[in-house]
């Protein structure tokens, strides 16, 4: 498969994440995504079926993603 074929088969940003509208990644979009991730991270401990260690670990991973978006924003 050539590079051109791979590029045309790539999904759009909005297909990957419905919070991204118009296939554009702006600061408003990033802020919305960060807020959604923070909400999920905060809600995990309340979800039944997850033990405390698992919920804490997953929450930390999500918050690492949020932090990485902050670093990317300021670059």
N, C-alpha and C. Protein backbone atom coordinates (compact mmCIF):
# COMPACT_ATOMS: atom_id res chain seq x y z
N UNK A 1 0.84 -1.17 0.00
CA UNK A 1 0.00 0.00 0.00
C UNK A 1 0.89 1.24 0.00
N UNK A 2 0.59 2.19 -0.87
CA UNK A 2 1.41 3.40 -0.96
C UNK A 2 1.02 4.40 0.10
N UNK A 3 1.86 5.42 0.26
CA UNK A 3 1.60 6.48 1.25
C UNK A 3 0.32 7.22 0.92
N UNK A 4 0.03 7.41 -0.36
CA UNK A 4 -1.20 8.10 -0.76
C UNK A 4 -2.44 7.31 -0.37
N UNK A 5 -2.39 6.00 -0.53
CA UNK A 5 -3.52 5.17 -0.15
C UNK A 5 -3.75 5.21 1.35
N UNK A 6 -2.67 5.20 2.13
CA UNK A 6 -2.81 5.27 3.57
C UNK A 6 -3.42 6.59 4.00
N UNK A 7 -3.03 7.68 3.38
CA UNK A 7 -3.54 9.00 3.75
C UNK A 7 -5.03 9.11 3.45
N UNK A 8 -5.50 8.53 2.36
CA UNK A 8 -6.92 8.64 2.03
C UNK A 8 -7.78 7.75 2.90
N UNK A 9 -7.21 6.70 3.48
CA UNK A 9 -7.97 5.80 4.34
C UNK A 9 -8.00 6.25 5.80
N UNK A 10 -7.31 7.33 6.12
CA UNK A 10 -7.24 7.82 7.49
C UNK A 10 -8.58 8.43 7.90
N UNK A 11 -9.11 8.06 9.07
CA UNK A 11 -10.38 8.65 9.51
C UNK A 11 -10.22 10.12 9.86
N UNK A 12 -11.32 10.85 9.78
CA UNK A 12 -11.29 12.27 10.13
C UNK A 12 -11.22 12.41 11.65
N UNK A 13 -10.80 13.59 12.10
CA UNK A 13 -10.73 13.84 13.54
C UNK A 13 -12.08 13.69 14.19
N UNK A 14 -13.14 14.16 13.53
CA UNK A 14 -14.47 14.06 14.13
C UNK A 14 -14.97 12.62 14.18
N UNK A 15 -14.46 11.75 13.29
CA UNK A 15 -14.81 10.32 13.38
C UNK A 15 -14.17 9.69 14.61
N UNK A 16 -12.96 10.11 14.92
CA UNK A 16 -12.24 9.56 16.07
C UNK A 16 -12.81 10.10 17.38
N UNK A 17 -13.08 11.40 17.41
CA UNK A 17 -13.58 12.04 18.62
C UNK A 17 -14.71 12.99 18.26
N UNK A 18 -15.95 12.66 18.61
CA UNK A 18 -17.09 13.50 18.26
C UNK A 18 -17.04 14.90 18.87
N UNK A 19 -16.16 15.12 19.87
CA UNK A 19 -16.03 16.46 20.44
C UNK A 19 -15.30 17.42 19.49
N UNK A 20 -14.66 16.87 18.47
CA UNK A 20 -13.94 17.69 17.49
C UNK A 20 -14.88 17.93 16.31
N UNK A 21 -15.33 19.15 16.17
CA UNK A 21 -16.23 19.46 15.07
C UNK A 21 -15.44 20.05 13.90
N UNK A 22 -15.94 19.86 12.73
CA UNK A 22 -15.36 20.44 11.51
C UNK A 22 -13.91 20.02 11.29
N UNK A 23 -13.50 18.91 11.85
CA UNK A 23 -12.13 18.40 11.67
C UNK A 23 -11.06 19.44 11.96
N UNK A 24 -11.33 20.30 12.89
CA UNK A 24 -10.39 21.35 13.25
C UNK A 24 -10.05 21.25 14.72
N UNK A 25 -8.77 21.30 15.04
CA UNK A 25 -8.33 21.23 16.42
C UNK A 25 -7.94 22.63 16.86
N UNK A 26 -8.85 23.30 17.55
CA UNK A 26 -8.60 24.65 18.03
C UNK A 26 -8.44 24.62 19.55
N UNK A 27 -8.12 25.74 20.13
CA UNK A 27 -8.01 25.81 21.59
C UNK A 27 -9.36 25.56 22.25
N UNK A 28 -10.44 25.99 21.61
CA UNK A 28 -11.78 25.71 22.15
C UNK A 28 -12.04 24.21 22.18
N UNK A 29 -11.67 23.53 21.11
CA UNK A 29 -11.85 22.08 21.06
C UNK A 29 -11.00 21.41 22.12
N UNK A 30 -9.74 21.83 22.24
CA UNK A 30 -8.85 21.25 23.24
C UNK A 30 -9.40 21.45 24.64
N UNK A 31 -9.94 22.61 24.90
CA UNK A 31 -10.51 22.90 26.21
C UNK A 31 -11.71 21.98 26.50
N UNK A 32 -12.53 21.76 25.50
CA UNK A 32 -13.68 20.87 25.65
C UNK A 32 -13.24 19.44 25.93
N UNK A 33 -12.24 18.98 25.19
CA UNK A 33 -11.74 17.61 25.37
C UNK A 33 -11.09 17.46 26.74
N UNK A 34 -10.30 18.46 27.15
CA UNK A 34 -9.68 18.40 28.49
C UNK A 34 -10.76 18.34 29.57
N UNK A 35 -11.80 19.15 29.43
CA UNK A 35 -12.89 19.14 30.41
C UNK A 35 -13.59 17.80 30.48
N UNK A 36 -13.83 17.20 29.32
CA UNK A 36 -14.49 15.88 29.29
C UNK A 36 -13.60 14.82 29.95
N UNK A 37 -12.31 14.86 29.65
CA UNK A 37 -11.39 13.89 30.26
C UNK A 37 -11.30 14.07 31.77
N UNK A 38 -11.25 15.31 32.23
CA UNK A 38 -11.21 15.57 33.67
C UNK A 38 -12.49 15.08 34.35
N UNK A 39 -13.63 15.27 33.69
CA UNK A 39 -14.90 14.78 34.24
C UNK A 39 -14.87 13.26 34.39
N UNK A 40 -14.40 12.57 33.35
CA UNK A 40 -14.32 11.11 33.41
C UNK A 40 -13.38 10.66 34.52
N UNK A 41 -12.22 11.32 34.62
CA UNK A 41 -11.24 10.95 35.65
C UNK A 41 -11.83 11.13 37.05
N UNK A 42 -12.58 12.21 37.25
CA UNK A 42 -13.19 12.46 38.56
C UNK A 42 -14.31 11.47 38.87
N UNK A 43 -15.02 11.02 37.83
CA UNK A 43 -16.16 10.13 38.03
C UNK A 43 -15.77 8.67 38.23
N UNK A 44 -14.60 8.28 37.80
CA UNK A 44 -14.20 6.87 37.87
C UNK A 44 -14.31 6.24 39.26
N UNK A 45 -13.88 6.92 40.31
CA UNK A 45 -13.98 6.27 41.63
C UNK A 45 -15.42 5.92 42.05
N UNK A 46 -16.40 6.60 41.48
CA UNK A 46 -17.79 6.35 41.85
C UNK A 46 -18.42 5.20 41.05
N UNK A 47 -17.72 4.72 40.05
CA UNK A 47 -18.26 3.66 39.20
C UNK A 47 -18.15 2.33 39.93
N UNK A 48 -19.29 1.65 40.06
CA UNK A 48 -19.25 0.35 40.74
C UNK A 48 -18.58 -0.67 39.83
N UNK A 49 -17.92 -1.60 40.43
CA UNK A 49 -17.25 -2.64 39.68
C UNK A 49 -15.75 -2.40 39.54
N UNK A 50 -15.31 -1.19 39.82
CA UNK A 50 -13.87 -0.91 39.80
C UNK A 50 -13.36 -0.85 41.23
N UNK A 51 -12.26 -1.55 41.48
CA UNK A 51 -11.69 -1.41 42.82
C UNK A 51 -10.97 -0.07 42.91
N UNK A 52 -10.66 0.35 44.11
CA UNK A 52 -10.07 1.67 44.32
C UNK A 52 -8.74 1.85 43.58
N UNK A 53 -7.91 0.84 43.59
CA UNK A 53 -6.59 0.94 42.94
C UNK A 53 -6.74 1.09 41.43
N UNK A 54 -7.65 0.33 40.84
CA UNK A 54 -7.87 0.42 39.40
C UNK A 54 -8.43 1.79 39.02
N UNK A 55 -9.43 2.24 39.75
CA UNK A 55 -10.04 3.55 39.47
C UNK A 55 -9.00 4.66 39.60
N UNK A 56 -8.18 4.58 40.63
CA UNK A 56 -7.15 5.58 40.84
C UNK A 56 -6.13 5.55 39.70
N UNK A 57 -5.71 4.37 39.31
CA UNK A 57 -4.73 4.24 38.23
C UNK A 57 -5.24 4.76 36.90
N UNK A 58 -6.46 4.41 36.57
CA UNK A 58 -7.04 4.87 35.30
C UNK A 58 -7.24 6.39 35.35
N UNK A 59 -7.68 6.90 36.48
CA UNK A 59 -7.84 8.36 36.62
C UNK A 59 -6.52 9.07 36.41
N UNK A 60 -5.44 8.52 36.96
CA UNK A 60 -4.12 9.13 36.79
C UNK A 60 -3.67 9.10 35.33
N UNK A 61 -3.94 8.00 34.64
CA UNK A 61 -3.59 7.92 33.22
C UNK A 61 -4.35 8.98 32.41
N UNK A 62 -5.62 9.13 32.70
CA UNK A 62 -6.42 10.14 32.00
C UNK A 62 -5.87 11.54 32.28
N UNK A 63 -5.52 11.80 33.54
CA UNK A 63 -5.00 13.12 33.89
C UNK A 63 -3.63 13.36 33.25
N UNK A 64 -2.87 12.30 33.00
CA UNK A 64 -1.61 12.46 32.26
C UNK A 64 -1.89 12.92 30.83
N UNK A 65 -2.95 12.40 30.24
CA UNK A 65 -3.33 12.84 28.89
C UNK A 65 -3.72 14.32 28.91
N UNK A 66 -4.46 14.73 29.93
CA UNK A 66 -4.85 16.13 30.05
C UNK A 66 -3.60 17.00 30.20
N UNK A 67 -2.67 16.56 31.03
CA UNK A 67 -1.43 17.32 31.23
C UNK A 67 -0.64 17.42 29.93
N UNK A 68 -0.60 16.34 29.16
CA UNK A 68 0.11 16.36 27.88
C UNK A 68 -0.53 17.34 26.91
N UNK A 69 -1.83 17.46 26.96
CA UNK A 69 -2.52 18.44 26.11
C UNK A 69 -2.17 19.85 26.53
N UNK A 70 -1.99 20.07 27.82
CA UNK A 70 -1.60 21.40 28.32
C UNK A 70 -0.20 21.75 27.83
N UNK A 71 0.72 20.79 27.87
CA UNK A 71 2.09 21.03 27.41
C UNK A 71 2.08 21.34 25.92
N UNK A 72 1.30 20.57 25.15
CA UNK A 72 1.20 20.78 23.71
C UNK A 72 0.65 22.16 23.41
N UNK A 73 -0.30 22.60 24.21
CA UNK A 73 -0.94 23.90 24.01
C UNK A 73 0.07 25.03 24.11
N UNK A 74 0.98 24.95 25.06
CA UNK A 74 1.91 26.04 25.30
C UNK A 74 3.15 25.99 24.40
N UNK A 75 3.27 24.95 23.60
CA UNK A 75 4.45 24.83 22.71
C UNK A 75 4.30 25.71 21.50
